[in-house]
Amino acid sequence: RDVAIACLLGAEEFGFATGPLIAMGCIMMRKCHLNTCPVGIATQDEELRKKFAGQPEHVMNYFFLMAEEIREIMAKLGYRTMEDMIGQTQHLEVNKRGLHYKSRGLDLSPLLTPASELNPTAGIRNLNTQYHGLDKAKDNVLIEKAREALENGTPVEFDEEINNLNRTCGTMLSYEISKRYGKDGLPDDTIRINMKGHAGQSFAFTLARGVTMNVEGDANDYTGKGLSGGKIAVFPSQKIIDEQGFVPEDNVIVGNVCLYGATAGKAFFRGKAGERFCVRNSGALAVVEGTGDHCAEYMTGGDLVVLGETGRNFGAGMSGGIAYVYDPEGKFPERCNMGLVGLESIDTVEEKEKVYGFIQEHVEMTGSPVGQRMLEDWDAESKNFVKVFPHDYKRVLEERAAERKSVAA
């Protein structure tokens, strides 16, 4: 019924969330963010996952039954297809008995007036195909220059200019890689692209393994969104640093929501990132020299190294992965959301070497003097890092380590 009403109001596409989720077995415990889903849907706990009893056929049956009910409604209204029913608001009327006292004064007649009455020549459903301008995308140039690597796996390196009109740069190139080589992509650094300018939104979106994109300049929001194995480095021009006194670690170099939902790969930013950095990161490595609010929100995997100050609400809903935050002045604890995480120090030789390696790669990729200073006095500087470790993630790692130890014994 809801789908039919939406269609009559003009909807042509319909999104479903809770219904199919319940068909898979969700019991609406509202524990999705706590990693304790009792039916094994929204959790990374192996024991809880065993409780998942959903089947694809359950969701298929849900949609079949819903389609059957919609067909019955369409038959009552006299329509053969959904296309014919779109925007036919003359079949709808306001249920005045269901109105709240605050909404009784609303006049909904403009919503229920058929568009054809206002403009007989206007279409009431989508009759025109949308032009996305993909033929003008920067990726067409990248694909052509990387042809040898795509077809033969031959390493290539080239330079390109970029501006903020070039959005999702690298995505079409990644599609060509995935089409040929699947999710494994190409060997690391097979395609190296050195760019200058201002990268547009969603730079390196879903960047595939085998591609390294360096930007001498800055980048907009959503940089590295869905990163899928590729490498990104963003750093300011040395000319701007020398001539204008630009201090990278004091300035924002990439926008908000960078590395949203990244699953693999590496990203290095010489400068600060905006808000919600590494939200839902589930497997990538990121090194940055400062962040805004809500960093590492809902992070489930991967590694994050912050070589400067963070904003407030760090790690809210963070259930996996590990973050290392440089905090020589002890300000970080009050900025961290302690709901799901604990704060520790880097206390093992292996972990010190791991973080050292992350920062060393950051220096190699971006030329960061901030990172270089830390490496030169690592024994002392390593003590200034706070390790953000989700409780459940720590428990799972400890259980797996104990299991491996018992098997080995």
Protein backbone atom coordinates (compact mmCIF):
# COMPACT_ATOMS: atom_id res chain seq x y z
CA ARG A 1 0.00 0.00 0.00
CA ASP A 2 2.82 2.44 0.85
CA VAL A 3 4.53 1.71 -2.47
CA ALA A 4 1.28 2.28 -4.35
CA ILE A 5 0.67 5.61 -2.59
CA ALA A 6 4.24 6.72 -3.25
CA CYS A 7 3.84 5.77 -6.91
CA LEU A 8 0.59 7.74 -7.21
CA LEU A 9 2.38 10.74 -5.69
CA GLY A 10 5.06 10.50 -8.40
CA ALA A 11 7.75 8.15 -7.09
CA GLU A 12 9.56 6.04 -9.68
CA GLU A 13 12.09 4.34 -7.43
CA PHE A 14 11.52 2.82 -4.00
CA GLY A 15 13.98 2.08 -1.22
CA PHE A 16 13.52 -0.75 1.25
CA ALA A 17 15.44 -1.15 4.48
CA THR A 18 13.69 -2.40 7.60
CA GLY A 19 11.29 -4.77 5.81
CA PRO A 20 13.92 -6.92 4.07
CA LEU A 21 16.07 -6.76 7.21
CA ILE A 22 13.27 -8.27 9.28
CA ALA A 23 12.74 -10.89 6.57
CA MET A 24 16.38 -11.92 7.12
CA GLY A 25 15.73 -12.35 10.84
CA CYS A 26 16.25 -8.92 12.43
CA ILE A 27 14.29 -8.57 15.70
CA MET A 28 14.87 -4.81 16.08
CA MET A 29 17.01 -4.98 19.23
CA ARG A 30 18.65 -1.68 18.22
CA LYS A 31 22.12 -3.01 19.04
CA CYS A 32 23.60 -2.51 15.56
CA HIS A 33 26.28 -0.11 16.80
CA LEU A 34 27.32 -2.25 19.77
CA ASN A 35 28.51 -5.36 17.91
CA THR A 36 26.13 -7.48 20.02
CA CYS A 37 23.36 -8.25 17.50
CA PRO A 38 21.67 -11.39 18.96
CA VAL A 39 20.65 -12.73 15.53
CA GLY A 40 24.08 -12.34 13.92
CA ILE A 41 23.31 -9.64 11.34
CA ALA A 42 25.07 -6.47 12.55
CA THR A 43 28.08 -7.97 14.30
CA GLN A 44 31.65 -9.06 13.68
CA ASP A 45 31.61 -11.52 16.57
CA GLU A 46 32.10 -15.00 15.09
CA GLU A 47 29.96 -16.67 17.77
CA LEU A 48 27.06 -14.30 17.21
CA ARG A 49 27.38 -14.66 13.44
CA LYS A 50 26.66 -18.37 13.84
CA LYS A 51 23.15 -17.41 14.97
CA PHE A 52 22.31 -15.84 11.60
CA ALA A 53 19.57 -17.95 10.00
CA GLY A 54 18.60 -15.70 7.09
CA GLN A 55 18.31 -17.04 3.56
CA PRO A 56 18.15 -15.19 0.21
CA GLU A 57 14.79 -16.87 -0.38
CA HIS A 58 13.35 -15.09 2.66
CA VAL A 59 14.00 -11.69 1.09
CA MET A 60 12.83 -12.93 -2.30
CA ASN A 61 9.53 -14.11 -0.78
CA TYR A 62 9.08 -10.73 0.92
CA PHE A 63 9.36 -8.93 -2.41
CA PHE A 64 7.21 -11.48 -4.26
CA LEU A 65 4.40 -11.08 -1.73
CA MET A 66 4.69 -7.31 -1.79
CA ALA A 67 4.58 -7.28 -5.60
CA GLU A 68 1.49 -9.48 -5.51
CA GLU A 69 -0.27 -7.05 -3.18
CA ILE A 70 0.70 -4.09 -5.37
CA ARG A 71 -0.72 -5.90 -8.41
CA GLU A 72 -4.04 -6.25 -6.57
CA ILE A 73 -4.12 -2.50 -5.84
CA MET A 74 -3.20 -1.70 -9.46
CA ALA A 75 -6.03 -3.94 -10.70
CA LYS A 76 -8.54 -2.13 -8.48
CA LEU A 77 -7.36 1.21 -9.88
CA GLY A 78 -7.35 -0.07 -13.47
CA TYR A 79 -3.61 0.08 -14.25
CA ARG A 80 -1.55 -2.54 -16.05
CA THR A 81 1.90 -1.11 -15.31
CA MET A 82 3.59 1.00 -12.65
CA GLU A 83 4.60 3.49 -15.35
CA ASP A 84 0.92 4.21 -16.05
CA MET A 85 0.22 4.75 -12.35
CA ILE A 86 3.04 7.22 -11.64
CA GLY A 87 1.78 10.67 -10.62
CA GLN A 88 -1.94 9.86 -10.86
CA THR A 89 -2.81 11.77 -7.70
CA GLN A 90 -6.53 11.95 -8.53
CA HIS A 91 -6.87 8.57 -6.81
CA LEU A 92 -5.70 9.96 -3.47
CA GLU A 93 -7.50 11.96 -0.83
CA VAL A 94 -6.64 13.15 2.65
CA ASN A 95 -7.82 11.01 5.55
CA LYS A 96 -9.02 13.85 7.78
CA ARG A 97 -9.81 11.52 10.66
CA GLY A 98 -6.15 10.57 10.87
CA LEU A 99 -4.83 14.12 11.07
CA HIS A 100 -3.13 15.33 14.23
CA TYR A 101 -4.54 18.51 15.72
CA LYS A 102 -1.36 20.33 14.73
CA SER A 103 -1.67 19.26 11.08
CA ARG A 104 -5.40 19.85 10.56
CA GLY A 105 -4.74 23.32 9.25
CA LEU A 106 -2.47 22.11 6.44
CA ASP A 107 -3.79 22.39 2.90
CA LEU A 108 -2.49 19.32 1.04
CA SER A 109 -4.42 20.00 -2.17
CA PRO A 110 -1.30 21.28 -4.03
CA LEU A 111 0.33 17.86 -3.46
CA LEU A 112 -2.73 16.06 -4.77
CA THR A 113 -3.23 18.20 -7.89
CA PRO A 114 -2.20 16.23 -11.01
CA ALA A 115 0.70 17.88 -12.82
CA SER A 116 -1.21 17.57 -16.10
CA GLU A 117 -3.83 20.03 -14.80
CA LEU A 118 -1.20 22.66 -14.11
CA ASN A 119 0.71 22.09 -17.33
CA PRO A 120 -0.84 19.74 -19.90
CA THR A 121 2.47 19.47 -21.78
CA ALA A 122 4.51 18.46 -18.72
CA GLY A 123 5.57 14.86 -18.31
CA ILE A 124 4.53 13.24 -15.04
CA ARG A 125 7.27 10.60 -15.08
CA ASN A 126 10.89 10.45 -16.20
CA LEU A 127 10.94 10.61 -20.00
CA ASN A 128 14.46 11.97 -20.50
CA THR A 129 17.73 10.15 -19.98
CA GLN A 130 20.19 11.96 -17.75
CA TYR A 131 23.52 13.10 -19.16
CA HIS A 132 26.30 12.42 -16.67
CA GLY A 133 29.12 13.89 -18.73
CA LEU A 134 31.25 10.75 -18.41
CA ASP A 135 32.70 11.32 -21.86
CA LYS A 136 34.38 14.44 -20.46
CA ALA A 137 35.66 12.82 -17.27
CA LYS A 138 39.36 13.04 -16.44
CA ASP A 139 39.40 9.25 -16.11
CA ASN A 140 39.20 8.85 -19.87
CA VAL A 141 42.64 10.46 -20.09
CA LEU A 142 43.95 8.32 -17.22
CA ILE A 143 42.66 5.11 -18.81
CA GLU A 144 44.31 5.94 -22.12
CA LYS A 145 47.66 6.75 -20.50
CA ALA A 146 47.48 3.58 -18.40
CA ARG A 147 46.57 1.35 -21.35
CA GLU A 148 49.83 -0.64 -21.21
CA ALA A 149 49.33 -1.40 -17.53
CA LEU A 150 45.69 -2.36 -18.04
CA GLU A 151 46.34 -4.70 -20.93
CA ASN A 152 49.78 -6.10 -20.15
CA GLY A 153 50.46 -5.26 -16.50
CA THR A 154 53.40 -3.06 -17.53
CA PRO A 155 54.18 -0.43 -14.84
CA VAL A 156 53.48 3.15 -15.96
CA GLU A 157 53.96 6.56 -14.39
CA PHE A 158 52.71 9.92 -15.69
CA ASP A 159 51.80 13.46 -14.66
CA GLU A 160 48.40 15.16 -14.88
CA GLU A 161 46.71 18.39 -13.86
CA ILE A 162 43.52 18.24 -11.78
CA ASN A 163 40.88 20.74 -10.66
CA ASN A 164 37.76 20.55 -8.52
CA LEU A 165 35.56 19.88 -11.55
CA ASN A 166 37.23 16.46 -11.75
CA ARG A 167 35.07 14.51 -9.31
CA THR A 168 35.43 10.80 -8.50
CA CYS A 169 38.77 10.87 -10.30
CA GLY A 170 40.24 7.37 -10.50
CA THR A 171 36.92 5.52 -10.26
CA MET A 172 36.48 4.69 -13.95
CA LEU A 173 40.14 3.63 -14.07
CA SER A 174 39.49 1.33 -11.11
CA TYR A 175 36.49 -0.13 -12.92
CA GLU A 176 38.73 -1.03 -15.87
CA ILE A 177 41.13 -2.79 -13.48
CA SER A 178 38.35 -4.67 -11.69
CA LYS A 179 36.81 -5.71 -14.98
CA ARG A 180 40.08 -7.31 -16.07
CA TYR A 181 41.66 -8.51 -12.84
CA GLY A 182 38.83 -8.79 -10.31
CA LYS A 183 39.04 -7.69 -6.70
CA ASP A 184 42.77 -8.52 -6.45
CA GLY A 185 43.60 -5.74 -8.90
CA LEU A 186 47.17 -5.15 -10.08
CA PRO A 187 50.43 -5.33 -8.09
CA ASP A 188 51.04 -2.27 -5.92
CA ASP A 189 52.26 0.85 -7.74
CA THR A 190 51.69 -0.58 -11.23
CA ILE A 191 50.02 2.71 -12.18
CA ARG A 192 51.50 5.84 -10.58
CA ILE A 193 49.75 9.12 -11.29
CA ASN A 194 51.31 12.37 -10.10
CA MET A 195 48.77 15.20 -10.12
CA LYS A 196 48.92 18.91 -9.40
CA GLY A 197 45.98 21.10 -8.45
CA HIS A 198 42.78 20.84 -6.42
CA ALA A 199 41.12 17.42 -6.50
CA GLY A 200 37.33 17.45 -6.68
CA GLN A 201 34.86 15.61 -4.48
CA SER A 202 35.25 11.86 -3.97
CA PHE A 203 38.79 11.85 -5.32
CA ALA A 204 40.02 8.23 -5.66
CA PHE A 205 36.57 6.83 -4.90
CA THR A 206 36.85 2.99 -4.67
CA LEU A 207 40.44 3.21 -5.94
CA ALA A 208 41.59 -0.29 -6.91
CA ARG A 209 44.77 -2.03 -5.86
CA GLY A 210 47.66 -1.26 -8.18
CA VAL A 211 46.95 2.46 -8.52
CA THR A 212 48.86 5.16 -6.62
CA MET A 213 47.51 8.71 -6.93
CA ASN A 214 49.63 11.58 -5.59
CA VAL A 215 48.20 15.10 -5.43
CA GLU A 216 50.45 18.10 -5.00
CA GLY A 217 47.81 20.55 -3.83
CA ASP A 218 44.68 19.69 -1.84
CA ALA A 219 41.52 17.60 -2.08
CA ASN A 220 37.81 18.05 -1.38
CA ASP A 221 35.30 16.09 0.71
CA TYR A 222 35.01 12.29 0.48
CA THR A 223 38.59 11.76 -0.68
CA GLY A 224 39.29 8.02 -0.65
CA LYS A 225 35.67 7.07 -0.07
CA GLY A 226 35.35 3.30 -0.38
CA LEU A 227 39.11 2.96 -0.94
CA SER A 228 39.60 -0.58 -2.25
CA GLY A 229 43.32 -1.29 -2.20
CA GLY A 230 44.83 1.73 -3.94
CA LYS A 231 47.20 4.33 -2.46
CA ILE A 232 46.59 8.06 -2.03
CA ALA A 233 48.92 10.85 -0.99
CA VAL A 234 47.93 14.52 -0.73
CA PHE A 235 50.51 17.17 0.15
CA PRO A 236 50.96 20.91 -0.51
CA SER A 237 53.34 22.35 -3.07
CA GLN A 238 56.81 23.05 -1.72
CA LYS A 239 56.68 26.38 -3.54
CA ILE A 240 53.70 27.51 -1.45
CA ILE A 241 55.44 26.36 1.73
CA ASP A 242 58.65 28.25 0.87
CA GLU A 243 57.21 31.45 -0.64
CA GLN A 244 54.02 31.92 1.38
CA GLY A 245 55.01 30.38 4.69
CA PHE A 246 52.27 27.76 4.48
CA VAL A 247 52.42 25.36 7.43
CA PRO A 248 50.75 22.08 6.38
CA GLU A 249 50.22 20.67 9.87
CA ASP A 250 48.26 23.80 10.85
CA ASN A 251 45.97 23.78 7.82
CA VAL A 252 43.26 21.54 6.36
CA ILE A 253 44.55 19.71 3.28
CA VAL A 254 41.59 17.37 2.66
CA GLY A 255 37.87 17.86 3.30
CA ASN A 256 35.21 16.12 5.37
CA VAL A 257 34.27 12.42 5.47
CA CYS A 258 37.50 11.20 3.86
CA LEU A 259 37.98 7.40 3.66
CA TYR A 260 34.31 6.78 4.38
CA GLY A 261 33.75 3.03 4.18
CA ALA A 262 37.30 2.27 3.00
CA THR A 263 37.99 -1.47 2.89
CA ALA A 264 41.68 -1.69 1.91
CA GLY A 265 44.57 0.46 0.75
CA LYS A 266 46.62 3.32 2.17
CA ALA A 267 46.16 7.10 2.45
CA PHE A 268 48.69 9.71 3.56
CA PHE A 269 47.79 13.36 4.11
CA ARG A 270 50.39 16.01 4.93
CA GLY A 271 48.10 18.37 6.80
CA LYS A 272 44.80 18.22 8.65
CA ALA A 273 41.61 16.50 7.58
CA GLY A 274 38.09 17.82 8.10
CA GLU A 275 35.36 16.24 10.17
CA ARG A 276 34.31 12.57 10.25
CA PHE A 277 37.64 11.29 9.01
CA CYS A 278 37.78 7.49 8.57
CA VAL A 279 34.10 7.00 9.36
CA ARG A 280 33.24 3.31 8.78
CA ASN A 281 36.81 2.50 7.76
CA SER A 282 37.01 -1.27 7.75
CA GLY A 283 40.47 -2.11 6.49
CA ALA A 284 42.56 0.80 5.19
CA LEU A 285 45.62 2.47 6.70
CA ALA A 286 45.41 6.25 7.08
CA VAL A 287 48.04 8.69 8.34
CA VAL A 288 47.07 12.34 8.84
CA GLU A 289 48.47 15.30 10.77
CA GLY A 290 45.28 16.37 12.55
CA THR A 291 41.52 15.88 12.27
CA GLY A 292 38.21 17.57 12.98
CA ASP A 293 35.32 16.26 15.09
CA HIS A 294 33.90 12.71 15.00
CA CYS A 295 37.05 11.06 13.66
CA ALA A 296 36.99 7.22 13.45
CA GLU A 297 33.23 7.15 13.97
CA TYR A 298 31.83 3.61 13.50
CA MET A 299 35.27 2.39 12.42
CA THR A 300 35.35 -1.43 12.22
CA GLY A 301 38.84 -2.25 10.97
CA GLY A 302 42.14 -0.95 9.63
CA ASP A 303 44.71 1.35 11.20
CA LEU A 304 44.67 5.10 11.77
CA VAL A 305 47.59 7.28 12.84
CA VAL A 306 46.96 10.92 13.79
CA LEU A 307 50.15 12.96 14.13
CA GLY A 308 48.39 16.01 15.58
CA GLU A 309 45.33 17.14 17.50
CA THR A 310 41.85 15.74 16.97
CA GLY A 311 38.41 17.26 17.41
CA ARG A 312 35.79 16.09 19.89
CA ASN A 313 33.84 12.80 19.91
CA PHE A 314 36.70 10.71 18.57
CA GLY A 315 35.85 7.02 18.11
CA ALA A 316 32.09 7.19 18.68
CA GLY A 317 30.67 3.75 17.84
CA MET A 318 34.15 2.46 16.97
CA SER A 319 33.97 -1.33 17.20
CA GLY A 320 37.13 -2.42 15.37
CA GLY A 321 40.49 -1.35 14.06
CA ILE A 322 43.12 0.54 16.05
CA ALA A 323 43.91 4.26 16.15
CA TYR A 324 47.16 5.83 17.33
CA VAL A 325 46.89 9.49 18.34
CA TYR A 326 49.88 11.73 19.09
CA ASP A 327 49.07 13.45 22.39
CA PRO A 328 52.11 14.92 24.13
CA GLU A 329 49.97 17.38 26.12
CA GLY A 330 47.43 14.86 27.40
CA LYS A 331 44.41 16.59 25.83
CA PHE A 332 43.06 13.60 23.93
CA PRO A 333 41.15 11.63 26.62
CA GLU A 334 38.56 14.39 27.07
CA ARG A 335 38.01 14.50 23.29
CA CYS A 336 37.50 10.75 22.95
CA ASN A 337 34.12 9.05 23.17
CA MET A 338 34.79 6.27 25.66
CA GLY A 339 31.57 4.33 25.02
CA LEU A 340 33.18 1.42 23.18
CA VAL A 341 36.95 1.99 23.41
CA GLY A 342 39.78 2.01 25.90
CA LEU A 343 42.97 4.07 25.86
CA GLU A 344 46.35 2.39 26.13
CA SER A 345 50.00 3.10 25.39
CA ILE A 346 52.21 1.50 22.77
CA ASP A 347 54.05 -0.96 24.96
CA THR A 348 55.40 -3.75 22.77
CA VAL A 349 58.41 -3.70 20.47
CA GLU A 350 56.33 -5.16 17.62
CA GLU A 351 53.72 -2.43 17.87
CA LYS A 352 56.33 0.31 18.09
CA GLU A 353 57.90 -1.03 14.91
CA LYS A 354 54.51 -1.21 13.22
CA VAL A 355 53.62 2.42 13.96
CA TYR A 356 57.17 3.50 13.08
CA GLY A 357 56.68 1.84 9.69
CA PHE A 358 53.36 3.65 9.14
CA ILE A 359 54.95 7.04 9.85
CA GLN A 360 58.03 6.21 7.79
CA GLU A 361 55.82 5.45 4.77
CA HIS A 362 53.95 8.72 5.39
CA VAL A 363 57.24 10.61 5.27
CA GLU A 364 58.29 8.82 2.08
CA MET A 365 54.96 9.57 0.37
CA THR A 366 54.49 13.19 1.48
CA GLY A 367 57.88 14.51 2.65
CA SER A 368 56.35 15.35 6.05
CA PRO A 369 58.82 17.02 8.47
CA VAL A 370 56.34 16.34 11.30
CA GLY A 371 56.70 12.62 10.77
CA GLN A 372 60.44 12.90 10.23
CA ARG A 373 60.93 14.63 13.59
CA MET A 374 59.07 11.82 15.33
CA LEU A 375 61.14 9.14 13.63
CA GLU A 376 64.41 10.82 14.62
CA ASP A 377 63.49 10.60 18.31
CA TRP A 378 61.21 7.55 18.17
CA ASP A 379 62.06 6.06 21.56
CA ALA A 380 60.81 9.22 23.27
CA GLU A 381 58.03 10.14 20.82
CA SER A 382 56.44 6.68 20.82
CA LYS A 383 55.54 7.30 24.47
CA ASN A 384 53.41 10.30 23.42
CA PHE A 385 51.02 8.15 21.38
CA VAL A 386 47.68 7.05 22.77
CA LYS A 387 46.36 3.74 21.43
CA VAL A 388 42.59 3.71 20.93
CA PHE A 389 41.51 0.08 21.21
CA PRO A 390 37.83 -1.02 21.02
CA HIS A 391 36.95 -3.38 23.88
CA ASP A 392 35.19 -6.03 21.78
CA TYR A 393 37.87 -5.94 19.09
CA LYS A 394 40.54 -6.45 21.74
CA ARG A 395 38.62 -9.38 23.20
CA VAL A 396 38.26 -11.04 19.79
CA LEU A 397 41.97 -10.61 19.01
CA GLU A 398 42.92 -12.09 22.38
CA GLU A 399 40.58 -15.07 21.86
CA ARG A 400 42.03 -15.73 18.41
CA ALA A 401 45.60 -15.47 19.75
CA ALA A 402 44.77 -17.95 22.55
CA GLU A 403 43.17 -20.30 20.02
CA ARG A 404 46.24 -20.21 17.77
CA LYS A 405 48.46 -20.83 20.78
CA SER A 406 46.42 -23.84 21.88
CA VAL A 407 46.47 -25.29 18.35
CA ALA A 408 50.24 -24.83 18.15
CA ALA A 409 50.67 -26.52 21.52
